[in-house]
Amino acid sequence: MRIISIFIVLCLAACQNSSIKNENQDSLAAQIVGADKDPYGCIGSAGYTWSVVKGSCIRPFEAGTRFISYDAGTGVEDSTNAAFVVLSNDQLKAEAFFGASDKPVVMDAVTVMEGETMPILFENKTELVKLRYYRDSYQLLYKDTIRYIQLYAADNGLKTMLQKK
């Protein structure tokens, strides 16, 4: 009788260890890079996100051009905080990615009148986001306040992307 009791205790302990091992394996699988696909099939842990203007999964830092944070009140630039702008293939839309916390904003191209000194190139009137050119830089604005900038002469910048048309 004593041997049977010990046998039952050992069997229960083995079953418990097995269920803990399965839970740990499931947890590990969720942490593996590539196991976190979003509804579009983009793998966030590998830097991919869905782009509305491209219609595919992209890495904004590869497919887009980098704008650095700008404080309009102080004039201070912060290169550690960046946004990326991606253009549609036909250049009729631009999508701004502001980092992991904010959702991207899609802007429509705006017809620029000849002679304008601060032309708005792309705009989303609902989200109050604009991309304009002024004084040798491209400026990304929110509620008419400059939030991000990129120098006109930047390597692989918006100027280069717009010239590919």
C-alpha atoms as a PDB file:
ATOM      1  CA  MET A   1       0.000   0.000   0.000  1.00  0.00           C
ATOM      2  CA  ARG A   2       2.834   2.310   0.858  1.00  0.00           C
ATOM      3  CA  ILE A   3       4.511   1.612  -2.502  1.00  0.00           C
ATOM      4  CA  ILE A   4       1.279   2.451  -4.341  1.00  0.00           C
ATOM      5  CA  SER A   5       0.992   5.767  -2.482  1.00  0.00           C
ATOM      6  CA  ILE A   6       4.567   6.714  -3.393  1.00  0.00           C
ATOM      7  CA  PHE A   7       3.907   5.701  -7.000  1.00  0.00           C
ATOM      8  CA  ILE A   8       0.784   7.932  -7.185  1.00  0.00           C
ATOM      9  CA  VAL A   9       2.669  10.905  -5.705  1.00  0.00           C
ATOM     10  CA  LEU A  10       5.484  10.473  -8.245  1.00  0.00           C
ATOM     11  CA  CYS A  11       2.996  10.250 -11.133  1.00  0.00           C
ATOM     12  CA  LEU A  12       1.236  13.448 -10.018  1.00  0.00           C
ATOM     13  CA  ALA A  13       4.562  15.263  -9.692  1.00  0.00           C
ATOM     14  CA  ALA A  14       5.595  14.170 -13.187  1.00  0.00           C
ATOM     15  CA  CYS A  15       2.294  15.383 -14.668  1.00  0.00           C
ATOM     16  CA  GLN A  16       2.670  18.755 -12.956  1.00  0.00           C
ATOM     17  CA  ASN A  17       6.234  19.207 -14.297  1.00  0.00           C
ATOM     18  CA  SER A  18       4.997  18.324 -17.776  1.00  0.00           C
ATOM     19  CA  SER A  19       2.300  21.037 -17.709  1.00  0.00           C
ATOM     20  CA  ILE A  20       4.800  23.634 -16.400  1.00  0.00           C
ATOM     21  CA  LYS A  21       7.215  22.679 -19.186  1.00  0.00           C
ATOM     22  CA  ASN A  22       4.455  23.146 -21.815  1.00  0.00           C
ATOM     23  CA  GLU A  23       3.561  26.589 -20.419  1.00  0.00           C
ATOM     24  CA  ASN A  24       7.236  27.617 -20.512  1.00  0.00           C
ATOM     25  CA  GLN A  25       7.577  26.404 -24.114  1.00  0.00           C
ATOM     26  CA  ASP A  26       4.463  28.356 -25.147  1.00  0.00           C
ATOM     27  CA  SER A  27       5.834  31.485 -23.435  1.00  0.00           C
ATOM     28  CA  LEU A  28       9.206  31.049 -25.146  1.00  0.00           C
ATOM     29  CA  ALA A  29       7.560  30.647 -28.557  1.00  0.00           C
ATOM     30  CA  ALA A  30       5.753  33.981 -28.067  1.00  0.00           C
ATOM     31  CA  GLN A  31       9.103  35.691 -27.322  1.00  0.00           C
ATOM     32  CA  ILE A  32      10.897  34.374 -30.421  1.00  0.00           C
ATOM     33  CA  VAL A  33      11.590  37.050 -33.037  1.00  0.00           C
ATOM     34  CA  GLY A  34       9.110  36.647 -35.847  1.00  0.00           C
ATOM     35  CA  ALA A  35       6.353  35.124 -33.745  1.00  0.00           C
ATOM     36  CA  ASP A  36       4.526  38.458 -33.453  1.00  0.00           C
ATOM     37  CA  LYS A  37       2.739  39.002 -36.753  1.00  0.00           C
ATOM     38  CA  ASP A  38       0.149  41.766 -36.887  1.00  0.00           C
ATOM     39  CA  PRO A  39      -3.165  41.437 -38.805  1.00  0.00           C
ATOM     40  CA  TYR A  40      -1.330  42.277 -42.057  1.00  0.00           C
ATOM     41  CA  GLY A  41       1.376  39.670 -41.466  1.00  0.00           C
ATOM     42  CA  CYS A  42       4.060  42.253 -40.578  1.00  0.00           C
ATOM     43  CA  ILE A  43       6.632  41.132 -38.000  1.00  0.00           C
ATOM     44  CA  GLY A  44       6.964  43.976 -35.498  1.00  0.00           C
ATOM     45  CA  SER A  45       9.918  42.509 -33.614  1.00  0.00           C
ATOM     46  CA  ALA A  46      11.900  42.583 -36.876  1.00  0.00           C
ATOM     47  CA  GLY A  47      11.023  46.268 -37.417  1.00  0.00           C
ATOM     48  CA  TYR A  48       8.249  45.748 -39.973  1.00  0.00           C
ATOM     49  CA  THR A  49       4.994  47.672 -39.950  1.00  0.00           C
ATOM     50  CA  TRP A  50       2.146  48.024 -42.427  1.00  0.00           C
ATOM     51  CA  SER A  51       2.377  50.978 -44.811  1.00  0.00           C
ATOM     52  CA  VAL A  52      -0.877  52.226 -46.271  1.00  0.00           C
ATOM     53  CA  VAL A  53       0.864  54.150 -49.083  1.00  0.00           C
ATOM     54  CA  LYS A  54       3.067  51.210 -50.106  1.00  0.00           C
ATOM     55  CA  GLY A  55       0.411  48.547 -49.509  1.00  0.00           C
ATOM     56  CA  SER A  56       2.955  46.239 -47.895  1.00  0.00           C
ATOM     57  CA  CYS A  57       5.026  45.566 -44.789  1.00  0.00           C
ATOM     58  CA  ILE A  58       8.003  47.924 -44.623  1.00  0.00           C
ATOM     59  CA  ARG A  59      10.714  49.043 -42.259  1.00  0.00           C
ATOM     60  CA  PRO A  60      10.137  52.818 -42.135  1.00  0.00           C
ATOM     61  CA  PHE A  61      13.826  53.444 -41.441  1.00  0.00           C
ATOM     62  CA  GLU A  62      14.727  51.629 -44.688  1.00  0.00           C
ATOM     63  CA  ALA A  63      11.859  52.614 -47.000  1.00  0.00           C
ATOM     64  CA  GLY A  64      11.521  56.170 -45.748  1.00  0.00           C
ATOM     65  CA  THR A  65      13.578  59.257 -45.171  1.00  0.00           C
ATOM     66  CA  ARG A  66      14.523  60.438 -41.682  1.00  0.00           C
ATOM     67  CA  PHE A  67      13.344  63.690 -40.107  1.00  0.00           C
ATOM     68  CA  ILE A  68      14.773  64.767 -36.751  1.00  0.00           C
ATOM     69  CA  SER A  69      12.796  66.227 -33.870  1.00  0.00           C
ATOM     70  CA  TYR A  70      12.746  70.009 -33.637  1.00  0.00           C
ATOM     71  CA  ASP A  71      11.567  72.266 -30.803  1.00  0.00           C
ATOM     72  CA  ALA A  72      10.143  75.384 -32.459  1.00  0.00           C
ATOM     73  CA  GLY A  73      10.244  77.296 -29.157  1.00  0.00           C
ATOM     74  CA  THR A  74      13.963  76.839 -28.549  1.00  0.00           C
ATOM     75  CA  GLY A  75      15.234  75.906 -31.994  1.00  0.00           C
ATOM     76  CA  VAL A  76      16.838  72.774 -30.544  1.00  0.00           C
ATOM     77  CA  GLU A  77      17.141  69.689 -32.738  1.00  0.00           C
ATOM     78  CA  ASP A  78      17.065  66.223 -31.178  1.00  0.00           C
ATOM     79  CA  SER A  79      18.549  63.556 -33.449  1.00  0.00           C
ATOM     80  CA  THR A  80      17.637  60.801 -30.971  1.00  0.00           C
ATOM     81  CA  ASN A  81      13.936  61.341 -31.728  1.00  0.00           C
ATOM     82  CA  ALA A  82      13.070  60.764 -35.378  1.00  0.00           C
ATOM     83  CA  ALA A  83      10.124  60.452 -37.720  1.00  0.00           C
ATOM     84  CA  PHE A  84      10.229  58.763 -41.119  1.00  0.00           C
ATOM     85  CA  VAL A  85       8.359  59.780 -44.242  1.00  0.00           C
ATOM     86  CA  VAL A  86       7.506  57.254 -46.968  1.00  0.00           C
ATOM     87  CA  LEU A  87       6.110  58.246 -50.367  1.00  0.00           C
ATOM     88  CA  SER A  88       3.685  56.234 -52.466  1.00  0.00           C
ATOM     89  CA  ASN A  89       5.093  55.009 -55.773  1.00  0.00           C
ATOM     90  CA  ASP A  90       3.093  57.653 -57.666  1.00  0.00           C
ATOM     91  CA  GLN A  91       4.095  60.328 -55.086  1.00  0.00           C
ATOM     92  CA  LEU A  92       0.480  61.353 -54.557  1.00  0.00           C
ATOM     93  CA  LYS A  93       0.587  60.329 -50.891  1.00  0.00           C
ATOM     94  CA  ALA A  94       3.091  60.512 -48.061  1.00  0.00           C
ATOM     95  CA  GLU A  95       2.985  58.543 -44.822  1.00  0.00           C
ATOM     96  CA  ALA A  96       4.681  59.824 -41.670  1.00  0.00           C
ATOM     97  CA  PHE A  97       5.801  57.328 -39.019  1.00  0.00           C
ATOM     98  CA  PHE A  98       6.392  58.942 -35.621  1.00  0.00           C
ATOM     99  CA  GLY A  99       7.836  56.006 -33.679  1.00  0.00           C
ATOM    100  CA  ALA A 100       6.312  53.101 -31.812  1.00  0.00           C
ATOM    101  CA  SER A 101       3.829  55.096 -29.741  1.00  0.00           C
ATOM    102  CA  ASP A 102       1.945  56.983 -32.474  1.00  0.00           C
ATOM    103  CA  LYS A 103       0.049  55.660 -35.452  1.00  0.00           C
ATOM    104  CA  PRO A 104       1.289  56.703 -38.882  1.00  0.00           C
ATOM    105  CA  VAL A 105      -0.426  59.581 -40.667  1.00  0.00           C
ATOM    106  CA  VAL A 106      -1.222  59.490 -44.387  1.00  0.00           C
ATOM    107  CA  MET A 107      -1.081  62.841 -46.197  1.00  0.00           C
ATOM    108  CA  ASP A 108      -2.265  63.774 -49.685  1.00  0.00           C
ATOM    109  CA  ALA A 109      -0.117  65.681 -52.163  1.00  0.00           C
ATOM    110  CA  VAL A 110      -1.008  69.357 -52.528  1.00  0.00           C
ATOM    111  CA  THR A 111      -0.734  71.276 -55.780  1.00  0.00           C
ATOM    112  CA  VAL A 112       1.973  73.890 -55.314  1.00  0.00           C
ATOM    113  CA  MET A 113       1.441  77.274 -56.883  1.00  0.00           C
ATOM    114  CA  GLU A 114       4.468  78.742 -58.663  1.00  0.00           C
ATOM    115  CA  GLY A 115       6.265  81.334 -56.564  1.00  0.00           C
ATOM    116  CA  GLU A 116       5.016  80.134 -53.168  1.00  0.00           C
ATOM    117  CA  THR A 117       7.597  80.835 -50.461  1.00  0.00           C
ATOM    118  CA  MET A 118       6.420  78.144 -48.016  1.00  0.00           C
ATOM    119  CA  PRO A 119       4.754  75.509 -50.185  1.00  0.00           C
ATOM    120  CA  ILE A 120       2.765  72.767 -48.490  1.00  0.00           C
ATOM    121  CA  LEU A 121       3.735  69.551 -50.307  1.00  0.00           C
ATOM    122  CA  PHE A 122       1.541  67.042 -48.437  1.00  0.00           C
ATOM    123  CA  GLU A 123      -1.292  67.521 -45.962  1.00  0.00           C
ATOM    124  CA  ASN A 124      -3.806  65.632 -43.811  1.00  0.00           C
ATOM    125  CA  LYS A 125      -6.469  68.169 -42.807  1.00  0.00           C
ATOM    126  CA  THR A 126      -8.182  65.768 -40.388  1.00  0.00           C
ATOM    127  CA  GLU A 127      -5.021  64.980 -38.403  1.00  0.00           C
ATOM    128  CA  LEU A 128      -3.682  68.558 -38.834  1.00  0.00           C
ATOM    129  CA  VAL A 129      -0.353  67.309 -40.199  1.00  0.00           C
ATOM    130  CA  LYS A 130       1.531  69.039 -43.012  1.00  0.00           C
ATOM    131  CA  LEU A 131       4.823  68.613 -44.791  1.00  0.00           C
ATOM    132  CA  ARG A 132       6.204  71.815 -46.261  1.00  0.00           C
ATOM    133  CA  TYR A 133       9.387  73.253 -47.720  1.00  0.00           C
ATOM    134  CA  TYR A 134      10.863  76.441 -46.235  1.00  0.00           C
ATOM    135  CA  ARG A 135      14.342  77.953 -46.062  1.00  0.00           C
ATOM    136  CA  ASP A 136      16.388  74.992 -47.275  1.00  0.00           C
ATOM    137  CA  SER A 137      14.564  72.428 -45.154  1.00  0.00           C
ATOM    138  CA  TYR A 138      11.537  70.198 -45.193  1.00  0.00           C
ATOM    139  CA  GLN A 139       9.342  70.639 -42.152  1.00  0.00           C
ATOM    140  CA  LEU A 140       6.822  68.232 -40.675  1.00  0.00           C
ATOM    141  CA  LEU A 141       4.188  70.239 -38.822  1.00  0.00           C
ATOM    142  CA  TYR A 142       1.434  69.333 -36.387  1.00  0.00           C
ATOM    143  CA  LYS A 143      -1.187  72.013 -35.727  1.00  0.00           C
ATOM    144  CA  ASP A 144       0.991  74.469 -37.676  1.00  0.00           C
ATOM    145  CA  THR A 145       3.944  73.960 -35.310  1.00  0.00           C
ATOM    146  CA  ILE A 146       7.193  72.510 -36.633  1.00  0.00           C
ATOM    147  CA  ARG A 147       7.832  69.112 -34.977  1.00  0.00           C
ATOM    148  CA  TYR A 148      10.433  67.512 -37.274  1.00  0.00           C
ATOM    149  CA  ILE A 149      12.836  68.834 -39.889  1.00  0.00           C
ATOM    150  CA  GLN A 150      15.135  67.582 -42.614  1.00  0.00           C
ATOM    151  CA  LEU A 151      17.709  69.672 -44.444  1.00  0.00           C
ATOM    152  CA  TYR A 152      17.083  70.051 -48.167  1.00  0.00           C
ATOM    153  CA  ALA A 153      20.581  68.745 -48.966  1.00  0.00           C
ATOM    154  CA  ALA A 154      20.254  65.623 -46.769  1.00  0.00           C
ATOM    155  CA  ASP A 155      21.656  62.446 -48.324  1.00  0.00           C
ATOM    156  CA  ASN A 156      18.817  60.145 -49.435  1.00  0.00           C
ATOM    157  CA  GLY A 157      16.391  62.788 -48.247  1.00  0.00           C
ATOM    158  CA  LEU A 158      12.969  63.852 -49.423  1.00  0.00           C
ATOM    159  CA  LYS A 159      14.540  65.904 -52.218  1.00  0.00           C
ATOM    160  CA  THR A 160      16.035  62.700 -53.666  1.00  0.00           C
ATOM    161  CA  MET A 161      12.776  60.804 -53.280  1.00  0.00           C
ATOM    162  CA  LEU A 162      10.775  63.546 -55.009  1.00  0.00           C
ATOM    163  CA  GLN A 163      13.254  63.730 -57.910  1.00  0.00           C
ATOM    164  CA  LYS A 164      12.719  60.023 -58.706  1.00  0.00           C
ATOM    165  CA  LYS A 165       9.336  60.763 -60.239  1.00  0.00           C
END
